[in-house]
C-alpha atoms as a PDB file:
ATOM      1  CA  MET A   1      54.772   2.708  32.363  1.00  0.00           C
ATOM      2  CA  THR A   2      53.211   4.481  29.174  1.00  0.00           C
ATOM      3  CA  GLU A   3      49.052   4.313  29.746  1.00  0.00           C
ATOM      4  CA  PRO A   4      47.176   3.348  26.503  1.00  0.00           C
ATOM      5  CA  ALA A   5      45.130   5.454  25.039  1.00  0.00           C
ATOM      6  CA  PRO A   6      41.192   6.088  25.649  1.00  0.00           C
ATOM      7  CA  PRO A   7      39.268   4.631  23.212  1.00  0.00           C
ATOM      8  CA  PRO A   8      37.783   6.931  20.572  1.00  0.00           C
ATOM      9  CA  ALA A   9      34.687   9.057  21.571  1.00  0.00           C
ATOM     10  CA  PRO A  10      31.446   7.591  20.107  1.00  0.00           C
ATOM     11  CA  GLU A  11      30.706   9.526  17.015  1.00  0.00           C
ATOM     12  CA  HIS A  12      27.635  12.293  17.820  1.00  0.00           C
ATOM     13  CA  MET A  13      24.076  10.901  15.907  1.00  0.00           C
ATOM     14  CA  ASP A  14      22.524  14.344  14.860  1.00  0.00           C
ATOM     15  CA  LEU A  15      19.321  14.433  12.449  1.00  0.00           C
ATOM     16  CA  ASN A  16      21.319  15.253   9.502  1.00  0.00           C
ATOM     17  CA  LEU A  17      23.198  11.639   9.911  1.00  0.00           C
ATOM     18  CA  LEU A  18      19.789   9.891   9.913  1.00  0.00           C
ATOM     19  CA  ARG A  19      18.249  11.187   7.109  1.00  0.00           C
ATOM     20  CA  VAL A  20      21.364  10.532   5.486  1.00  0.00           C
ATOM     21  CA  PHE A  21      20.855   6.415   6.962  1.00  0.00           C
ATOM     22  CA  ASP A  22      17.184   6.653   5.588  1.00  0.00           C
ATOM     23  CA  ALA A  23      18.399   7.567   2.171  1.00  0.00           C
ATOM     24  CA  LEU A  24      21.032   5.065   1.796  1.00  0.00           C
ATOM     25  CA  LEU A  25      18.584   2.548   3.152  1.00  0.00           C
ATOM     26  CA  GLN A  26      16.079   3.430   0.534  1.00  0.00           C
ATOM     27  CA  ASP A  27      18.808   3.793  -2.447  1.00  0.00           C
ATOM     28  CA  GLY A  28      21.233   1.359  -1.423  1.00  0.00           C
ATOM     29  CA  SER A  29      23.997   2.930  -3.030  1.00  0.00           C
ATOM     30  CA  VAL A  30      25.788   5.981  -2.006  1.00  0.00           C
ATOM     31  CA  THR A  31      25.428   7.831  -5.394  1.00  0.00           C
ATOM     32  CA  GLY A  32      21.626   7.235  -5.213  1.00  0.00           C
ATOM     33  CA  ALA A  33      21.448   8.702  -1.624  1.00  0.00           C
ATOM     34  CA  ALA A  34      23.981  11.260  -2.729  1.00  0.00           C
ATOM     35  CA  GLU A  35      21.494  12.450  -5.184  1.00  0.00           C
ATOM     36  CA  ARG A  36      18.220  11.704  -2.885  1.00  0.00           C
ATOM     37  CA  LEU A  37      19.966  14.361  -0.431  1.00  0.00           C
ATOM     38  CA  HIS A  38      21.834  16.916  -2.818  1.00  0.00           C
ATOM     39  CA  LEU A  39      24.916  16.190  -1.600  1.00  0.00           C
ATOM     40  CA  SER A  40      27.809  15.713  -2.760  1.00  0.00           C
ATOM     41  CA  ILE A  41      29.038  11.669  -3.189  1.00  0.00           C
ATOM     42  CA  PRO A  42      32.029  12.306  -0.688  1.00  0.00           C
ATOM     43  CA  ALA A  43      30.169  13.771   1.356  1.00  0.00           C
ATOM     44  CA  THR A  44      27.851  11.350   1.426  1.00  0.00           C
ATOM     45  CA  SER A  45      30.298   8.814   1.708  1.00  0.00           C
ATOM     46  CA  ARG A  46      31.845  10.635   4.766  1.00  0.00           C
ATOM     47  CA  ALA A  47      28.959  10.639   6.582  1.00  0.00           C
ATOM     48  CA  LEU A  48      28.254   6.492   5.926  1.00  0.00           C
ATOM     49  CA  GLY A  49      31.370   6.634   7.705  1.00  0.00           C
ATOM     50  CA  ARG A  50      30.942   8.371  10.845  1.00  0.00           C
ATOM     51  CA  LEU A  51      27.126   6.199  10.699  1.00  0.00           C
ATOM     52  CA  ARG A  52      28.784   3.148  10.557  1.00  0.00           C
ATOM     53  CA  ARG A  53      30.916   4.849  13.889  1.00  0.00           C
ATOM     54  CA  ALA A  54      27.789   6.117  15.662  1.00  0.00           C
ATOM     55  CA  MET A  55      25.947   2.303  14.980  1.00  0.00           C
ATOM     56  CA  GLY A  56      28.667   0.134  15.478  1.00  0.00           C
ATOM     57  CA  ASP A  57      27.409  -1.687  12.490  1.00  0.00           C
ATOM     58  CA  PRO A  58      28.867  -1.373   8.938  1.00  0.00           C
ATOM     59  CA  VAL A  59      25.295  -0.382   7.576  1.00  0.00           C
ATOM     60  CA  LEU A  60      25.448  -1.396   3.788  1.00  0.00           C
ATOM     61  CA  VAL A  61      27.934  -3.826   2.988  1.00  0.00           C
ATOM     62  CA  ARG A  62      29.523  -4.759  -0.602  1.00  0.00           C
ATOM     63  CA  ALA A  63      27.034  -7.389  -2.392  1.00  0.00           C
ATOM     64  CA  GLY A  64      28.171  -8.361  -6.063  1.00  0.00           C
ATOM     65  CA  ARG A  65      28.065  -4.990  -8.064  1.00  0.00           C
ATOM     66  CA  GLY A  66      25.836  -3.061  -5.418  1.00  0.00           C
ATOM     67  CA  MET A  67      25.662  -2.462  -1.981  1.00  0.00           C
ATOM     68  CA  ALA A  68      22.819  -4.561   0.636  1.00  0.00           C
ATOM     69  CA  PRO A  69      21.782  -3.395   4.061  1.00  0.00           C
ATOM     70  CA  THR A  70      23.115  -5.694   7.373  1.00  0.00           C
ATOM     71  CA  PRO A  71      20.492  -7.213   9.538  1.00  0.00           C
ATOM     72  CA  PHE A  72      20.826  -4.491  11.867  1.00  0.00           C
ATOM     73  CA  ALA A  73      20.066  -1.983   9.102  1.00  0.00           C
ATOM     74  CA  LEU A  74      16.721  -3.304   8.067  1.00  0.00           C
ATOM     75  CA  ARG A  75      15.739  -3.335  11.856  1.00  0.00           C
ATOM     76  CA  THR A  76      16.653  -0.130  12.464  1.00  0.00           C
ATOM     77  CA  ALA A  77      14.902   1.494   9.037  1.00  0.00           C
ATOM     78  CA  PRO A  78      11.380   1.579  10.464  1.00  0.00           C
ATOM     79  CA  ARG A  79      12.449   3.371  13.631  1.00  0.00           C
ATOM     80  CA  VAL A  80      14.235   6.104  11.802  1.00  0.00           C
ATOM     81  CA  ARG A  81      11.735   6.549   9.520  1.00  0.00           C
ATOM     82  CA  SER A  82       9.229   6.632  12.117  1.00  0.00           C
ATOM     83  CA  LEU A  83      12.183   9.838  13.923  1.00  0.00           C
ATOM     84  CA  LEU A  84      12.422  11.329  10.840  1.00  0.00           C
ATOM     85  CA  ASP A  85       8.336  11.838  10.443  1.00  0.00           C
ATOM     86  CA  GLU A  86       7.962  13.047  14.048  1.00  0.00           C
ATOM     87  CA  ALA A  87      10.520  15.413  13.827  1.00  0.00           C
ATOM     88  CA  ALA A  88       9.157  16.667  10.096  1.00  0.00           C
ATOM     89  CA  ALA A  89       5.753  16.889  11.732  1.00  0.00           C
ATOM     90  CA  LEU A  90       7.000  18.967  14.680  1.00  0.00           C
ATOM     91  CA  ILE A  91       9.024  21.365  12.706  1.00  0.00           C
ATOM     92  CA  SER A  92       5.868  22.032  10.285  1.00  0.00           C
ATOM     93  CA  ALA A  93       2.716  21.169  12.090  1.00  0.00           C
ATOM     94  CA  ASP A  94       1.412  25.081  11.663  1.00  0.00           C
ATOM     95  CA  ARG A  95       3.076  25.631   8.611  1.00  0.00           C
ATOM     96  CA  ALA A  96       0.676  25.593   5.450  1.00  0.00           C
ATOM     97  CA  VAL A  97       2.365  22.545   2.797  1.00  0.00           C
ATOM     98  CA  ALA A  98       3.501  23.505  -0.863  1.00  0.00           C
ATOM     99  CA  PRO A  99       2.749  20.751  -3.386  1.00  0.00           C
ATOM    100  CA  ALA A 100       4.888  21.838  -5.771  1.00  0.00           C
ATOM    101  CA  ASP A 101       8.119  22.031  -3.536  1.00  0.00           C
ATOM    102  CA  LEU A 102       7.179  18.798  -1.730  1.00  0.00           C
ATOM    103  CA  ASP A 103      10.029  16.062  -2.920  1.00  0.00           C
ATOM    104  CA  ARG A 104       9.083  12.650  -1.478  1.00  0.00           C
ATOM    105  CA  THR A 105       7.932   9.529  -0.809  1.00  0.00           C
ATOM    106  CA  PHE A 106       4.551   8.017   0.470  1.00  0.00           C
ATOM    107  CA  THR A 107       4.081   4.013   0.491  1.00  0.00           C
ATOM    108  CA  ILE A 108       0.933   2.971   0.760  1.00  0.00           C
ATOM    109  CA  ARG A 109      -0.664  -0.554   1.628  1.00  0.00           C
ATOM    110  CA  ILE A 110      -3.194  -1.543  -0.876  1.00  0.00           C
ATOM    111  CA  ASN A 111      -5.791  -4.101  -1.574  1.00  0.00           C
ATOM    112  CA  ASP A 112      -5.392  -4.830  -4.790  1.00  0.00           C
ATOM    113  CA  GLY A 113      -9.606  -5.061  -6.196  1.00  0.00           C
ATOM    114  CA  VAL A 114      -9.051  -1.197  -4.729  1.00  0.00           C
ATOM    115  CA  ALA A 115      -5.978  -0.637  -6.235  1.00  0.00           C
ATOM    116  CA  ALA A 116      -7.145  -0.857  -9.982  1.00  0.00           C
ATOM    117  CA  THR A 117      -9.431   1.779  -9.033  1.00  0.00           C
ATOM    118  CA  LEU A 118      -8.258   3.943  -6.701  1.00  0.00           C
ATOM    119  CA  ALA A 119      -4.564   3.809  -7.504  1.00  0.00           C
ATOM    120  CA  THR A 120      -5.259   5.763 -10.863  1.00  0.00           C
ATOM    121  CA  ALA A 121      -6.880   8.778  -9.441  1.00  0.00           C
ATOM    122  CA  ALA A 122      -4.706   9.087  -6.755  1.00  0.00           C
ATOM    123  CA  VAL A 123      -1.185   9.275  -8.693  1.00  0.00           C
ATOM    124  CA  GLU A 124      -3.260  11.347 -11.439  1.00  0.00           C
ATOM    125  CA  ALA A 125      -4.368  14.042  -8.474  1.00  0.00           C
ATOM    126  CA  THR A 126      -0.764  14.184  -7.158  1.00  0.00           C
ATOM    127  CA  ALA A 127       1.511  14.295 -10.018  1.00  0.00           C
ATOM    128  CA  ALA A 128      -0.838  17.253 -11.312  1.00  0.00           C
ATOM    129  CA  VAL A 129       0.264  19.165  -8.797  1.00  0.00           C
ATOM    130  CA  ALA A 130       3.089  17.619  -6.995  1.00  0.00           C
ATOM    131  CA  PRO A 131       5.136  16.951  -9.642  1.00  0.00           C
ATOM    132  CA  GLY A 132       8.417  15.709  -6.998  1.00  0.00           C
ATOM    133  CA  VAL A 133       5.859  13.514  -4.838  1.00  0.00           C
ATOM    134  CA  VAL A 134       6.390   9.501  -5.971  1.00  0.00           C
ATOM    135  CA  LEU A 135       3.081   7.081  -4.415  1.00  0.00           C
ATOM    136  CA  ARG A 136       4.471   3.781  -4.039  1.00  0.00           C
ATOM    137  CA  PHE A 137       1.654   1.153  -3.678  1.00  0.00           C
ATOM    138  CA  VAL A 138       2.696  -1.941  -1.877  1.00  0.00           C
ATOM    139  CA  ALA A 139       0.414  -5.483  -1.646  1.00  0.00           C
ATOM    140  CA  GLU A 140      -1.315  -6.911   1.220  1.00  0.00           C
ATOM    141  CA  GLY A 141      -0.021  -9.516   3.188  1.00  0.00           C
ATOM    142  CA  ASN A 142       0.724  -8.238   7.017  1.00  0.00           C
ATOM    143  CA  GLU A 143      -2.254  -6.411   8.354  1.00  0.00           C
ATOM    144  CA  SER A 144      -0.582  -5.945  11.389  1.00  0.00           C
ATOM    145  CA  VAL A 145      -0.663  -1.738  12.163  1.00  0.00           C
ATOM    146  CA  GLU A 146       2.794  -2.491  13.613  1.00  0.00           C
ATOM    147  CA  ALA A 147       4.154  -1.294   9.829  1.00  0.00           C
ATOM    148  CA  LEU A 148       1.708   2.084  10.505  1.00  0.00           C
ATOM    149  CA  ARG A 149       3.850   2.685  13.915  1.00  0.00           C
ATOM    150  CA  ASP A 150       7.422   2.199  12.577  1.00  0.00           C
ATOM    151  CA  GLY A 151       7.162   4.211   9.751  1.00  0.00           C
ATOM    152  CA  SER A 152       7.458   1.160   7.276  1.00  0.00           C
ATOM    153  CA  LEU A 153       3.672   2.843   5.986  1.00  0.00           C
ATOM    154  CA  ASP A 154       2.852   6.324   5.706  1.00  0.00           C
ATOM    155  CA  LEU A 155      -1.117   4.472   4.796  1.00  0.00           C
ATOM    156  CA  ASP A 156      -3.173   1.651   4.734  1.00  0.00           C
ATOM    157  CA  ILE A 157      -6.243   1.705   2.428  1.00  0.00           C
ATOM    158  CA  GLY A 158      -8.527  -1.512   2.425  1.00  0.00           C
ATOM    159  CA  VAL A 159     -11.407  -2.821   3.994  1.00  0.00           C
ATOM    160  CA  GLY A 160      -9.520  -3.664   7.588  1.00  0.00           C
ATOM    161  CA  ASP A 161     -10.196  -1.547  10.851  1.00  0.00           C
ATOM    162  CA  SER A 162      -8.054  -1.323  13.251  1.00  0.00           C
ATOM    163  CA  ALA A 163      -9.311  -0.674  17.136  1.00  0.00           C
ATOM    164  CA  ALA A 164      -5.981   0.293  18.366  1.00  0.00           C
ATOM    165  CA  PRO A 165      -6.001   3.948  20.231  1.00  0.00           C
ATOM    166  CA  ASP A 166      -3.314   5.192  18.306  1.00  0.00           C
ATOM    167  CA  ILE A 167      -4.470   4.433  14.489  1.00  0.00           C
ATOM    168  CA  ARG A 168      -6.588   6.689  12.655  1.00  0.00           C
ATOM    169  CA  THR A 169      -9.228   5.708  10.401  1.00  0.00           C
ATOM    170  CA  ALA A 170     -11.472   7.412   8.155  1.00  0.00           C
ATOM    171  CA  VAL A 171     -14.126   6.074   5.160  1.00  0.00           C
ATOM    172  CA  LEU A 172     -13.149   6.354   1.864  1.00  0.00           C
ATOM    173  CA  TYR A 173     -16.167   4.792   0.589  1.00  0.00           C
ATOM    174  CA  ARG A 174     -18.789   2.160   0.192  1.00  0.00           C
ATOM    175  CA  GLU A 175     -18.199  -1.415  -2.234  1.00  0.00           C
ATOM    176  CA  GLN A 176     -20.380  -3.460  -3.304  1.00  0.00           C
ATOM    177  CA  ILE A 177     -19.664  -6.861  -4.502  1.00  0.00           C
ATOM    178  CA  VAL A 178     -21.004  -7.900  -7.765  1.00  0.00           C
ATOM    179  CA  GLY A 179     -20.914 -10.841 -10.553  1.00  0.00           C
ATOM    180  CA  VAL A 180     -19.241 -10.571 -13.701  1.00  0.00           C
ATOM    181  CA  ALA A 181     -19.330 -12.652 -16.734  1.00  0.00           C
ATOM    182  CA  ARG A 182     -18.045 -12.532 -20.281  1.00  0.00           C
ATOM    183  CA  ALA A 183     -20.882 -10.544 -22.570  1.00  0.00           C
ATOM    184  CA  ASP A 184     -20.322 -12.864 -25.303  1.00  0.00           C
ATOM    185  CA  GLY A 185     -20.982 -15.995 -22.808  1.00  0.00           C
ATOM    186  CA  PRO A 186     -23.678 -17.662 -21.647  1.00  0.00           C
ATOM    187  CA  LEU A 187     -24.768 -14.877 -18.864  1.00  0.00           C
ATOM    188  CA  GLY A 188     -24.272 -12.158 -21.220  1.00  0.00           C
ATOM    189  CA  ARG A 189     -27.165 -11.189 -21.818  1.00  0.00           C
ATOM    190  CA  ALA A 190     -29.275 -12.255 -18.574  1.00  0.00           C
ATOM    191  CA  ARG A 191     -29.674 -10.715 -15.384  1.00  0.00           C
ATOM    192  CA  PRO A 192     -29.088 -14.326 -13.539  1.00  0.00           C
ATOM    193  CA  THR A 193     -31.070 -15.723 -10.713  1.00  0.00           C
ATOM    194  CA  LEU A 194     -29.401 -17.369  -7.865  1.00  0.00           C
ATOM    195  CA  ALA A 195     -30.240 -20.905  -8.917  1.00  0.00           C
ATOM    196  CA  GLU A 196     -28.522 -19.421 -12.938  1.00  0.00           C
ATOM    197  CA  LEU A 197     -25.162 -18.868 -11.007  1.00  0.00           C
ATOM    198  CA  CYS A 198     -25.192 -22.175  -9.696  1.00  0.00           C
ATOM    199  CA  ARG A 199     -25.291 -23.439 -13.135  1.00  0.00           C
ATOM    200  CA  HIS A 200     -22.173 -21.616 -14.167  1.00  0.00           C
ATOM    201  CA  PRO A 201     -18.085 -22.704 -12.484  1.00  0.00           C
ATOM    202  CA  HIS A 202     -17.166 -19.929 -10.788  1.00  0.00           C
ATOM    203  CA  VAL A 203     -13.407 -18.201  -9.445  1.00  0.00           C
ATOM    204  CA  SER A 204     -13.294 -17.290  -6.138  1.00  0.00           C
ATOM    205  CA  ALA A 205     -10.751 -14.265  -5.439  1.00  0.00           C
ATOM    206  CA  SER A 206      -9.419 -14.890  -1.982  1.00  0.00           C
ATOM    207  CA  ARG A 207      -5.723 -14.168  -1.043  1.00  0.00           C
ATOM    208  CA  ARG A 208      -5.957 -16.982   1.394  1.00  0.00           C
ATOM    209  CA  GLY A 209      -6.755 -19.234  -0.999  1.00  0.00           C
ATOM    210  CA  ARG A 210     -10.271 -19.375   0.304  1.00  0.00           C
ATOM    211  CA  ALA A 211     -13.067 -21.186  -1.906  1.00  0.00           C
ATOM    212  CA  ARG A 212     -15.995 -20.473   0.418  1.00  0.00           C
ATOM    213  CA  GLY A 213     -17.547 -17.195   1.471  1.00  0.00           C
ATOM    214  CA  PRO A 214     -20.743 -14.872   2.170  1.00  0.00           C
ATOM    215  CA  LEU A 215     -22.630 -16.291  -1.353  1.00  0.00           C
ATOM    216  CA  ASP A 216     -22.362 -19.681   0.286  1.00  0.00           C
ATOM    217  CA  ASP A 217     -24.002 -18.988   3.045  1.00  0.00           C
ATOM    218  CA  ALA A 218     -26.669 -17.510   0.639  1.00  0.00           C
ATOM    219  CA  LEU A 219     -26.889 -20.013  -0.934  1.00  0.00           C
ATOM    220  CA  ALA A 220     -27.082 -22.880   1.033  1.00  0.00           C
ATOM    221  CA  ALA A 221     -30.171 -21.147   2.840  1.00  0.00           C
ATOM    222  CA  ALA A 222     -31.751 -20.926  -0.550  1.00  0.00           C
ATOM    223  CA  GLY A 223     -31.049 -24.844  -0.821  1.00  0.00           C
ATOM    224  CA  LEU A 224     -28.019 -24.178  -3.577  1.00  0.00           C
ATOM    225  CA  HIS A 225     -24.425 -24.614  -3.995  1.00  0.00           C
ATOM    226  CA  ARG A 226     -22.351 -23.684  -6.172  1.00  0.00           C
ATOM    227  CA  THR A 227     -19.640 -25.115  -7.979  1.00  0.00           C
ATOM    228  CA  VAL A 228     -15.943 -23.248  -7.185  1.00  0.00           C
ATOM    229  CA  ALA A 229     -13.186 -24.114  -9.968  1.00  0.00           C
ATOM    230  CA  ALA A 230     -10.721 -22.163  -9.424  1.00  0.00           C
ATOM    231  CA  VAL A 231      -9.168 -19.943  -6.524  1.00  0.00           C
ATOM    232  CA  VAL A 232      -6.695 -16.926  -7.160  1.00  0.00           C
ATOM    233  CA  PRO A 233      -5.522 -14.324  -5.200  1.00  0.00           C
ATOM    234  CA  THR A 234      -6.109 -11.273  -6.418  1.00  0.00           C
ATOM    235  CA  PHE A 235      -8.965  -9.660  -8.225  1.00  0.00           C
ATOM    236  CA  ALA A 236      -7.369  -8.629 -10.981  1.00  0.00           C
ATOM    237  CA  VAL A 237      -6.331 -11.942 -11.711  1.00  0.00           C
ATOM    238  CA  ALA A 238     -10.292 -13.266 -11.264  1.00  0.00           C
ATOM    239  CA  VAL A 239     -11.529 -10.464 -13.619  1.00  0.00           C
ATOM    240  CA  LEU A 240      -8.639 -12.001 -16.766  1.00  0.00           C
ATOM    241  CA  LEU A 241      -9.755 -15.594 -15.687  1.00  0.00           C
ATOM    242  CA  VAL A 242     -13.591 -14.447 -16.155  1.00  0.00           C
ATOM    243  CA  ALA A 243     -12.575 -12.677 -19.237  1.00  0.00           C
ATOM    244  CA  SER A 244     -11.110 -15.902 -21.074  1.00  0.00           C
ATOM    245  CA  SER A 245     -13.092 -18.299 -19.891  1.00  0.00           C
ATOM    246  CA  ASP A 246     -17.361 -19.192 -19.132  1.00  0.00           C
ATOM    247  CA  TYR A 247     -16.502 -18.812 -15.165  1.00  0.00           C
ATOM    248  CA  VAL A 248     -18.377 -16.318 -13.225  1.00  0.00           C
ATOM    249  CA  GLY A 249     -16.662 -13.846 -10.649  1.00  0.00           C
ATOM    250  CA  LEU A 250     -17.408 -12.009  -8.121  1.00  0.00           C
ATOM    251  CA  VAL A 251     -15.386  -8.545  -7.373  1.00  0.00           C
ATOM    252  CA  PRO A 252     -15.748  -4.889  -6.165  1.00  0.00           C
ATOM    253  CA  ARG A 253     -18.402  -3.211  -8.293  1.00  0.00           C
ATOM    254  CA  ARG A 254     -16.042  -0.014  -8.654  1.00  0.00           C
ATOM    255  CA  LEU A 255     -13.303  -2.710 -10.681  1.00  0.00           C
ATOM    256  CA  ALA A 256     -15.832  -3.753 -12.389  1.00  0.00           C
ATOM    257  CA  GLU A 257     -17.135  -0.820 -13.689  1.00  0.00           C
ATOM    258  CA  ARG A 258     -13.685   0.838 -14.490  1.00  0.00           C
ATOM    259  CA  HIS A 259     -12.324  -2.366 -16.447  1.00  0.00           C
ATOM    260  CA  GLY A 260     -15.090  -4.690 -17.359  1.00  0.00           C
ATOM    261  CA  ALA A 261     -16.249  -3.535 -20.393  1.00  0.00           C
ATOM    262  CA  ALA A 262     -12.232  -3.620 -21.651  1.00  0.00           C
ATOM    263  CA  LEU A 263     -11.911  -6.686 -21.138  1.00  0.00           C
ATOM    264  CA  GLY A 264     -15.420  -7.509 -22.814  1.00  0.00           C
ATOM    265  CA  LEU A 265     -17.091  -8.177 -19.768  1.00  0.00           C
ATOM    266  CA  ARG A 266     -20.063  -7.795 -18.066  1.00  0.00           C
ATOM    267  CA  TRP A 267     -21.286  -7.568 -14.215  1.00  0.00           C
ATOM    268  CA  PHE A 268     -24.493  -7.673 -12.456  1.00  0.00           C
ATOM    269  CA  PRO A 269     -25.735  -7.397  -8.896  1.00  0.00           C
ATOM    270  CA  ILE A 270     -26.249 -10.636  -7.178  1.00  0.00           C
ATOM    271  CA  PRO A 271     -29.761 -11.465  -5.887  1.00  0.00           C
ATOM    272  CA  ALA A 272     -28.417 -12.021  -2.124  1.00  0.00           C
ATOM    273  CA  ASP A 273     -28.027 -10.051   0.858  1.00  0.00           C
ATOM    274  CA  LEU A 274     -24.156 -10.352   0.587  1.00  0.00           C
ATOM    275  CA  PRO A 275     -22.233  -7.532   3.071  1.00  0.00           C
ATOM    276  CA  ASP A 276     -21.258  -4.430   1.394  1.00  0.00           C
ATOM    277  CA  MET A 277     -17.678  -3.046   2.093  1.00  0.00           C
ATOM    278  CA  ASP A 278     -16.420  -0.223   4.110  1.00  0.00           C
ATOM    279  CA  VAL A 279     -13.175   0.762   2.689  1.00  0.00           C
ATOM    280  CA  ARG A 280     -11.349   3.231   5.150  1.00  0.00           C
ATOM    281  CA  LEU A 281      -8.138   4.689   4.894  1.00  0.00           C
ATOM    282  CA  GLN A 282      -5.536   4.491   7.882  1.00  0.00           C
ATOM    283  CA  TRP A 283      -2.667   5.967   9.254  1.00  0.00           C
ATOM    284  CA  HIS A 284      -0.614   6.661  12.276  1.00  0.00           C
ATOM    285  CA  ALA A 285      -1.614   9.157  15.118  1.00  0.00           C
ATOM    286  CA  ARG A 286       1.947  10.890  15.080  1.00  0.00           C
ATOM    287  CA  LEU A 287       1.031  11.923  11.203  1.00  0.00           C
ATOM    288  CA  ASP A 288      -2.100  13.993  12.603  1.00  0.00           C
ATOM    289  CA  ALA A 289      -0.472  16.874  11.994  1.00  0.00           C
ATOM    290  CA  ASP A 290       2.159  16.260   9.407  1.00  0.00           C
ATOM    291  CA  PRO A 291       1.093  19.026   6.586  1.00  0.00           C
ATOM    292  CA  ALA A 292       2.288  16.481   3.544  1.00  0.00           C
ATOM    293  CA  GLN A 293       0.598  13.870   4.775  1.00  0.00           C
ATOM    294  CA  ARG A 294      -2.701  15.343   5.860  1.00  0.00           C
ATOM    295  CA  TRP A 295      -2.542  17.277   2.192  1.00  0.00           C
ATOM    296  CA  LEU A 296      -2.095  13.400   0.789  1.00  0.00           C
ATOM    297  CA  ARG A 297      -5.309  12.304   2.571  1.00  0.00           C
ATOM    298  CA  ASP A 298      -7.572  15.432   1.636  1.00  0.00           C
ATOM    299  CA  THR A 299      -6.075  14.546  -2.266  1.00  0.00           C
ATOM    300  CA  ILE A 300      -6.937  10.923  -2.382  1.00  0.00           C
ATOM    301  CA  LYS A 301     -10.325  11.583  -0.748  1.00  0.00           C
ATOM    302  CA  ALA A 302     -11.132  14.447  -3.396  1.00  0.00           C
ATOM    303  CA  ALA A 303      -9.879  12.414  -6.199  1.00  0.00           C
ATOM    304  CA  LEU A 304     -12.526   9.566  -5.122  1.00  0.00           C
ATOM    305  CA  ASP A 305     -14.917  12.327  -5.286  1.00  0.00           C
ATOM    306  CA  GLY A 306     -14.001  14.284  -8.601  1.00  0.00           C
END
């Protein structure tokens, strides 16, 4: 009696296969991954076959005219990205980075009020010396540090602060909240008092939909109350709404200084003791020694100082 043939040996998983997996998930196609990795399309297609055998999962499946990652691939992608980051840091920890030779996408979570001023400076500073670098900015939505841990994010820029021991933090700058109003509106020339501010409707910028903030506490202490006529999710929407109305808005000072005049707005200090905000840069400890990441952090800091 002939014994059944043994099952095929599992496909060996090496670092190159993980790079292919990462590229496939980023581009969603064999052709795009091949271009990213500087491989031929047949070689990338064969690598996808090896990945499927090694992972026991299709990884990418046909979806209309394109391809979509499987749920397993989506769950696995952050872990693979984290492993690749650690491998790159281990190999190049003692090497100097050559920005002009970098071919890398950095994903940065950022607050919209910060992005309106910092993103331009960061993109211009990196593009000037590292044309192969892409800065991929994503909006805040979930401030969890897990995205830094699993490699979904390279950097987090905002006003939050993590107490986690594996998260590194650096203060970029201190931000002040100021008032904005239409330059040709009722508050266009005066430096308003708290009482004058309360005579005009306000727009509140809150991603969580909150109408109340520190200004309301200061007003209550002075026996005053403001009327919030609109709550919008971002500072960018707030300044656009203020520019087309008689509303008063509270926004970061850098945003008002950079874009206020172009929108026909003037900004003014709020005559109350409102807390300043520390805008912080956060990253995972495993990327401390990664030369490319360290270069990016230094470049962003220098762009703000310049």
